[in-house]
PDB file of N, CA and C in Angstrom:
ATOM      1  N   MET A   1     -29.551 -23.843  26.243  1.00  0.00           N
ATOM      2  CA  MET A   1     -28.600 -24.549  25.410  1.00  0.00           C
ATOM      3  C   MET A   1     -27.999 -23.607  24.370  1.00  0.00           C
ATOM      4  N   GLU A   2     -28.792 -22.704  23.857  1.00  0.00           N
ATOM      5  CA  GLU A   2     -28.295 -21.757  22.854  1.00  0.00           C
ATOM      6  C   GLU A   2     -27.247 -20.827  23.444  1.00  0.00           C
ATOM      7  N   ALA A   3     -27.409 -20.425  24.704  1.00  0.00           N
ATOM      8  CA  ALA A   3     -26.451 -19.514  25.338  1.00  0.00           C
ATOM      9  C   ALA A   3     -25.100 -20.200  25.495  1.00  0.00           C
ATOM     10  N   GLY A   4     -25.102 -21.476  25.842  1.00  0.00           N
ATOM     11  CA  GLY A   4     -23.853 -22.225  25.974  1.00  0.00           C
ATOM     12  C   GLY A   4     -23.146 -22.386  24.645  1.00  0.00           C
ATOM     13  N   ALA A   5     -23.909 -22.648  23.603  1.00  0.00           N
ATOM     14  CA  ALA A   5     -23.325 -22.793  22.268  1.00  0.00           C
ATOM     15  C   ALA A   5     -22.786 -21.462  21.782  1.00  0.00           C
ATOM     16  N   SER A   6     -23.486 -20.380  22.096  1.00  0.00           N
ATOM     17  CA  SER A   6     -23.043 -19.054  21.690  1.00  0.00           C
ATOM     18  C   SER A   6     -21.754 -18.667  22.415  1.00  0.00           C
ATOM     19  N   ALA A   7     -21.675 -18.968  23.707  1.00  0.00           N
ATOM     20  CA  ALA A   7     -20.473 -18.670  24.480  1.00  0.00           C
ATOM     21  C   ALA A   7     -19.287 -19.482  23.965  1.00  0.00           C
ATOM     22  N   LEU A   8     -19.543 -20.728  23.622  1.00  0.00           N
ATOM     23  CA  LEU A   8     -18.489 -21.577  23.082  1.00  0.00           C
ATOM     24  C   LEU A   8     -18.002 -21.043  21.736  1.00  0.00           C
ATOM     25  N   ALA A   9     -18.919 -20.604  20.902  1.00  0.00           N
ATOM     26  CA  ALA A   9     -18.542 -20.057  19.601  1.00  0.00           C
ATOM     27  C   ALA A   9     -17.707 -18.790  19.756  1.00  0.00           C
ATOM     28  N   ILE A  10     -18.083 -17.935  20.691  1.00  0.00           N
ATOM     29  CA  ILE A  10     -17.325 -16.711  20.929  1.00  0.00           C
ATOM     30  C   ILE A  10     -15.933 -17.042  21.462  1.00  0.00           C
ATOM     31  N   THR A  11     -15.853 -18.019  22.347  1.00  0.00           N
ATOM     32  CA  THR A  11     -14.555 -18.447  22.883  1.00  0.00           C
ATOM     33  C   THR A  11     -13.670 -19.005  21.778  1.00  0.00           C
ATOM     34  N   MET A  12     -14.232 -19.812  20.908  1.00  0.00           N
ATOM     35  CA  MET A  12     -13.452 -20.395  19.813  1.00  0.00           C
ATOM     36  C   MET A  12     -12.968 -19.320  18.845  1.00  0.00           C
ATOM     37  N   ILE A  13     -13.805 -18.342  18.568  1.00  0.00           N
ATOM     38  CA  ILE A  13     -13.406 -17.247  17.681  1.00  0.00           C
ATOM     39  C   ILE A  13     -12.281 -16.448  18.318  1.00  0.00           C
ATOM     40  N   LEU A  14     -12.381 -16.184  19.619  1.00  0.00           N
ATOM     41  CA  LEU A  14     -11.344 -15.447  20.327  1.00  0.00           C
ATOM     42  C   LEU A  14     -10.025 -16.211  20.316  1.00  0.00           C
ATOM     43  N   LEU A  15     -10.073 -17.507  20.583  1.00  0.00           N
ATOM     44  CA  LEU A  15      -8.863 -18.322  20.567  1.00  0.00           C
ATOM     45  C   LEU A  15      -8.232 -18.369  19.175  1.00  0.00           C
ATOM     46  N   GLN A  16      -9.058 -18.489  18.159  1.00  0.00           N
ATOM     47  CA  GLN A  16      -8.541 -18.509  16.790  1.00  0.00           C
ATOM     48  C   GLN A  16      -7.857 -17.193  16.454  1.00  0.00           C
ATOM     49  N   SER A  17      -8.425 -16.097  16.894  1.00  0.00           N
ATOM     50  CA  SER A  17      -7.844 -14.783  16.646  1.00  0.00           C
ATOM     51  C   SER A  17      -6.513 -14.628  17.385  1.00  0.00           C
ATOM     52  N   LEU A  18      -6.459 -15.088  18.629  1.00  0.00           N
ATOM     53  CA  LEU A  18      -5.216 -15.005  19.400  1.00  0.00           C
ATOM     54  C   LEU A  18      -4.103 -15.846  18.769  1.00  0.00           C
ATOM     55  N   ILE A  19      -4.438 -17.043  18.350  1.00  0.00           N
ATOM     56  CA  ILE A  19      -3.448 -17.909  17.703  1.00  0.00           C
ATOM     57  C   ILE A  19      -2.977 -17.294  16.397  1.00  0.00           C
ATOM     58  N   HIS A  20      -3.883 -16.708  15.650  1.00  0.00           N
ATOM     59  CA  HIS A  20      -3.545 -16.064  14.379  1.00  0.00           C
ATOM     60  C   HIS A  20      -2.564 -14.913  14.600  1.00  0.00           C
ATOM     61  N   GLN A  21      -2.830 -14.080  15.596  1.00  0.00           N
ATOM     62  CA  GLN A  21      -1.943 -12.952  15.885  1.00  0.00           C
ATOM     63  C   GLN A  21      -0.600 -13.431  16.427  1.00  0.00           C
ATOM     64  N   ALA A  22      -0.607 -14.474  17.256  1.00  0.00           N
ATOM     65  CA  ALA A  22       0.645 -15.025  17.780  1.00  0.00           C
ATOM     66  C   ALA A  22       1.511 -15.561  16.645  1.00  0.00           C
ATOM     67  N   TYR A  23       0.902 -16.140  15.631  1.00  0.00           N
ATOM     68  CA  TYR A  23       1.630 -16.634  14.467  1.00  0.00           C
ATOM     69  C   TYR A  23       2.383 -15.495  13.776  1.00  0.00           C
ATOM     70  N   PHE A  24       1.720 -14.360  13.597  1.00  0.00           N
ATOM     71  CA  PHE A  24       2.367 -13.234  12.933  1.00  0.00           C
ATOM     72  C   PHE A  24       3.460 -12.623  13.808  1.00  0.00           C
ATOM     73  N   VAL A  25       3.241 -12.593  15.106  1.00  0.00           N
ATOM     74  CA  VAL A  25       4.275 -12.081  16.009  1.00  0.00           C
ATOM     75  C   VAL A  25       5.506 -12.978  15.965  1.00  0.00           C
ATOM     76  N   LEU A  26       5.295 -14.283  15.997  1.00  0.00           N
ATOM     77  CA  LEU A  26       6.426 -15.216  15.921  1.00  0.00           C
ATOM     78  C   LEU A  26       7.152 -15.113  14.583  1.00  0.00           C
ATOM     79  N   ALA A  27       6.425 -14.934  13.504  1.00  0.00           N
ATOM     80  CA  ALA A  27       7.062 -14.765  12.201  1.00  0.00           C
ATOM     81  C   ALA A  27       7.912 -13.497  12.186  1.00  0.00           C
ATOM     82  N   GLY A  28       7.421 -12.437  12.793  1.00  0.00           N
ATOM     83  CA  GLY A  28       8.197 -11.197  12.882  1.00  0.00           C
ATOM     84  C   GLY A  28       9.445 -11.367  13.723  1.00  0.00           C
ATOM     85  N   LEU A  29       9.336 -12.100  14.820  1.00  0.00           N
ATOM     86  CA  LEU A  29      10.507 -12.337  15.668  1.00  0.00           C
ATOM     87  C   LEU A  29      11.562 -13.169  14.943  1.00  0.00           C
ATOM     88  N   VAL A  30      11.135 -14.185  14.237  1.00  0.00           N
ATOM     89  CA  VAL A  30      12.089 -15.010  13.479  1.00  0.00           C
ATOM     90  C   VAL A  30      12.761 -14.175  12.390  1.00  0.00           C
ATOM     91  N   ALA A  31      12.002 -13.325  11.706  1.00  0.00           N
ATOM     92  CA  ALA A  31      12.578 -12.456  10.677  1.00  0.00           C
ATOM     93  C   ALA A  31      13.586 -11.501  11.292  1.00  0.00           C
ATOM     94  N   ALA A  32      13.262 -10.921  12.443  1.00  0.00           N
ATOM     95  CA  ALA A  32      14.197 -10.007  13.111  1.00  0.00           C
ATOM     96  C   ALA A  32      15.462 -10.742  13.542  1.00  0.00           C
ATOM     97  N   LEU A  33      15.313 -11.953  14.044  1.00  0.00           N
ATOM     98  CA  LEU A  33      16.471 -12.748  14.443  1.00  0.00           C
ATOM     99  C   LEU A  33      17.356 -13.055  13.238  1.00  0.00           C
ATOM    100  N   LEU A  34      16.755 -13.469  12.144  1.00  0.00           N
ATOM    101  CA  LEU A  34      17.533 -13.776  10.947  1.00  0.00           C
ATOM    102  C   LEU A  34      18.233 -12.530  10.401  1.00  0.00           C
ATOM    103  N   LEU A  35      17.542 -11.399  10.416  1.00  0.00           N
ATOM    104  CA  LEU A  35      18.165 -10.161   9.938  1.00  0.00           C
ATOM    105  C   LEU A  35      19.336  -9.747  10.821  1.00  0.00           C
ATOM    106  N   SER A  36      19.180  -9.888  12.128  1.00  0.00           N
ATOM    107  CA  SER A  36      20.285  -9.517  13.017  1.00  0.00           C
ATOM    108  C   SER A  36      21.479 -10.442  12.816  1.00  0.00           C
ATOM    109  N   ARG A  37      21.217 -11.716  12.605  1.00  0.00           N
ATOM    110  CA  ARG A  37      22.308 -12.667  12.344  1.00  0.00           C
ATOM    111  C   ARG A  37      22.987 -12.387  11.005  1.00  0.00           C
ATOM    112  N   LEU A  38      22.225 -11.912  10.044  1.00  0.00           N
ATOM    113  CA  LEU A  38      22.796 -11.611   8.731  1.00  0.00           C
ATOM    114  C   LEU A  38      23.864 -10.532   8.836  1.00  0.00           C
ATOM    115  N   PHE A  39      23.599  -9.500   9.626  1.00  0.00           N
ATOM    116  CA  PHE A  39      24.533  -8.382   9.700  1.00  0.00           C
ATOM    117  C   PHE A  39      25.634  -8.582  10.726  1.00  0.00           C
ATOM    118  N   ARG A  40      25.472  -9.557  11.634  1.00  0.00           N
ATOM    119  CA  ARG A  40      26.491  -9.784  12.656  1.00  0.00           C
ATOM    120  C   ARG A  40      27.423 -10.949  12.344  1.00  0.00           C
ATOM    121  N   ARG A  41      27.181 -11.670  11.298  1.00  0.00           N
ATOM    122  CA  ARG A  41      27.988 -12.867  11.061  1.00  0.00           C
ATOM    123  C   ARG A  41      29.387 -12.493  10.596  1.00  0.00           C
ATOM    124  N   LYS A  42      30.353 -13.251  11.101  1.00  0.00           N
ATOM    125  CA  LYS A  42      31.760 -13.023  10.751  1.00  0.00           C
ATOM    126  C   LYS A  42      32.271 -14.133   9.837  1.00  0.00           C
ATOM    127  N   SER A  43      31.706 -15.319   9.987  1.00  0.00           N
ATOM    128  CA  SER A  43      32.160 -16.444   9.173  1.00  0.00           C
ATOM    129  C   SER A  43      31.348 -16.523   7.885  1.00  0.00           C
ATOM    130  N   ARG A  44      31.927 -17.111   6.903  1.00  0.00           N
ATOM    131  CA  ARG A  44      31.295 -17.358   5.604  1.00  0.00           C
ATOM    132  C   ARG A  44      30.741 -16.099   4.939  1.00  0.00           C
ATOM    133  N   PRO A  45      31.570 -15.100   4.776  1.00  0.00           N
ATOM    134  CA  PRO A  45      31.080 -13.931   4.036  1.00  0.00           C
ATOM    135  C   PRO A  45      31.002 -14.266   2.549  1.00  0.00           C
ATOM    136  N   GLY A  46      30.111 -13.659   1.872  1.00  0.00           N
ATOM    137  CA  GLY A  46      30.008 -13.883   0.446  1.00  0.00           C
ATOM    138  C   GLY A  46      28.602 -13.670  -0.051  1.00  0.00           C
ATOM    139  N   LEU A  47      28.509 -13.429  -1.336  1.00  0.00           N
ATOM    140  CA  LEU A  47      27.234 -13.139  -1.963  1.00  0.00           C
ATOM    141  C   LEU A  47      26.290 -14.337  -1.917  1.00  0.00           C
ATOM    142  N   ALA A  48      26.822 -15.539  -2.077  1.00  0.00           N
ATOM    143  CA  ALA A  48      25.966 -16.731  -2.081  1.00  0.00           C
ATOM    144  C   ALA A  48      25.249 -16.893  -0.743  1.00  0.00           C
ATOM    145  N   TYR A  49      25.942 -16.646   0.349  1.00  0.00           N
ATOM    146  CA  TYR A  49      25.315 -16.758   1.661  1.00  0.00           C
ATOM    147  C   TYR A  49      24.304 -15.645   1.893  1.00  0.00           C
ATOM    148  N   ASP A  50      24.572 -14.458   1.361  1.00  0.00           N
ATOM    149  CA  ASP A  50      23.599 -13.362   1.455  1.00  0.00           C
ATOM    150  C   ASP A  50      22.315 -13.721   0.714  1.00  0.00           C
ATOM    151  N   ILE A  51      22.442 -14.352  -0.428  1.00  0.00           N
ATOM    152  CA  ILE A  51      21.271 -14.755  -1.204  1.00  0.00           C
ATOM    153  C   ILE A  51      20.471 -15.822  -0.451  1.00  0.00           C
ATOM    154  N   VAL A  52      21.156 -16.758   0.165  1.00  0.00           N
ATOM    155  CA  VAL A  52      20.475 -17.801   0.946  1.00  0.00           C
ATOM    156  C   VAL A  52      19.745 -17.180   2.136  1.00  0.00           C
ATOM    157  N   TYR A  53      20.397 -16.247   2.829  1.00  0.00           N
ATOM    158  CA  TYR A  53      19.732 -15.561   3.939  1.00  0.00           C
ATOM    159  C   TYR A  53      18.503 -14.809   3.454  1.00  0.00           C
ATOM    160  N   ALA A  54      18.631 -14.084   2.360  1.00  0.00           N
ATOM    161  CA  ALA A  54      17.501 -13.315   1.831  1.00  0.00           C
ATOM    162  C   ALA A  54      16.361 -14.249   1.440  1.00  0.00           C
ATOM    163  N   TYR A  55      16.692 -15.354   0.821  1.00  0.00           N
ATOM    164  CA  TYR A  55      15.680 -16.326   0.403  1.00  0.00           C
ATOM    165  C   TYR A  55      14.956 -16.905   1.619  1.00  0.00           C
ATOM    166  N   THR A  56      15.674 -17.034   2.734  1.00  0.00           N
ATOM    167  CA  THR A  56      15.083 -17.548   3.966  1.00  0.00           C
ATOM    168  C   THR A  56      14.257 -16.493   4.688  1.00  0.00           C
ATOM    169  N   ILE A  57      14.710 -15.259   4.669  1.00  0.00           N
ATOM    170  CA  ILE A  57      14.070 -14.185   5.434  1.00  0.00           C
ATOM    171  C   ILE A  57      12.789 -13.690   4.778  1.00  0.00           C
ATOM    172  N   ILE A  58      12.725 -13.663   3.466  1.00  0.00           N
ATOM    173  CA  ILE A  58      11.596 -13.063   2.747  1.00  0.00           C
ATOM    174  C   ILE A  58      10.236 -13.633   3.173  1.00  0.00           C
ATOM    175  N   PRO A  59      10.042 -14.944   3.273  1.00  0.00           N
ATOM    176  CA  PRO A  59       8.712 -15.434   3.691  1.00  0.00           C
ATOM    177  C   PRO A  59       8.307 -14.965   5.088  1.00  0.00           C
ATOM    178  N   PHE A  60       9.267 -14.888   6.009  1.00  0.00           N
ATOM    179  CA  PHE A  60       8.949 -14.444   7.358  1.00  0.00           C
ATOM    180  C   PHE A  60       8.569 -12.965   7.377  1.00  0.00           C
ATOM    181  N   ILE A  61       9.258 -12.156   6.605  1.00  0.00           N
ATOM    182  CA  ILE A  61       8.925 -10.735   6.538  1.00  0.00           C
ATOM    183  C   ILE A  61       7.542 -10.545   5.916  1.00  0.00           C
ATOM    184  N   LEU A  62       7.250 -11.277   4.860  1.00  0.00           N
ATOM    185  CA  LEU A  62       5.937 -11.156   4.230  1.00  0.00           C
ATOM    186  C   LEU A  62       4.814 -11.572   5.177  1.00  0.00           C
ATOM    187  N   ARG A  63       5.046 -12.631   5.950  1.00  0.00           N
ATOM    188  CA  ARG A  63       4.029 -13.069   6.904  1.00  0.00           C
ATOM    189  C   ARG A  63       3.844 -12.044   8.018  1.00  0.00           C
ATOM    190  N   ALA A  64       4.951 -11.470   8.488  1.00  0.00           N
ATOM    191  CA  ALA A  64       4.861 -10.465   9.554  1.00  0.00           C
ATOM    192  C   ALA A  64       4.117  -9.227   9.085  1.00  0.00           C
ATOM    193  N   LEU A  65       4.196  -8.926   7.787  1.00  0.00           N
ATOM    194  CA  LEU A  65       3.496  -7.776   7.223  1.00  0.00           C
ATOM    195  C   LEU A  65       2.094  -8.136   6.737  1.00  0.00           C
ATOM    196  N   HIS A  66       1.636  -9.350   7.018  1.00  0.00           N
ATOM    197  CA  HIS A  66       0.316  -9.844   6.619  1.00  0.00           C
ATOM    198  C   HIS A  66       0.163  -9.896   5.095  1.00  0.00           C
ATOM    199  N   ILE A  67       1.246 -10.182   4.407  1.00  0.00           N
ATOM    200  CA  ILE A  67       1.219 -10.364   2.952  1.00  0.00           C
ATOM    201  C   ILE A  67       1.497 -11.838   2.708  1.00  0.00           C
ATOM    202  N   LYS A  68       0.641 -12.476   1.938  1.00  0.00           N
ATOM    203  CA  LYS A  68       0.845 -13.910   1.718  1.00  0.00           C
ATOM    204  C   LYS A  68       1.734 -14.178   0.557  1.00  0.00           C
TER     205      LYS A  68
END
């Protein structure tokens, strides 16, 4: 019974680690997408929109860099 519980615990730890890393990868992808859209946009140029983009991008960049 102990071996089954130990295997289950190891599996759960592995799954938690995979989900954790996938979260950071997805945050990095969203940040990259937002950054690419920031520099390619043709409509609505202006400082106010740049500030909104920056305000949106910063949390994703911090998460991708493992900074909370």
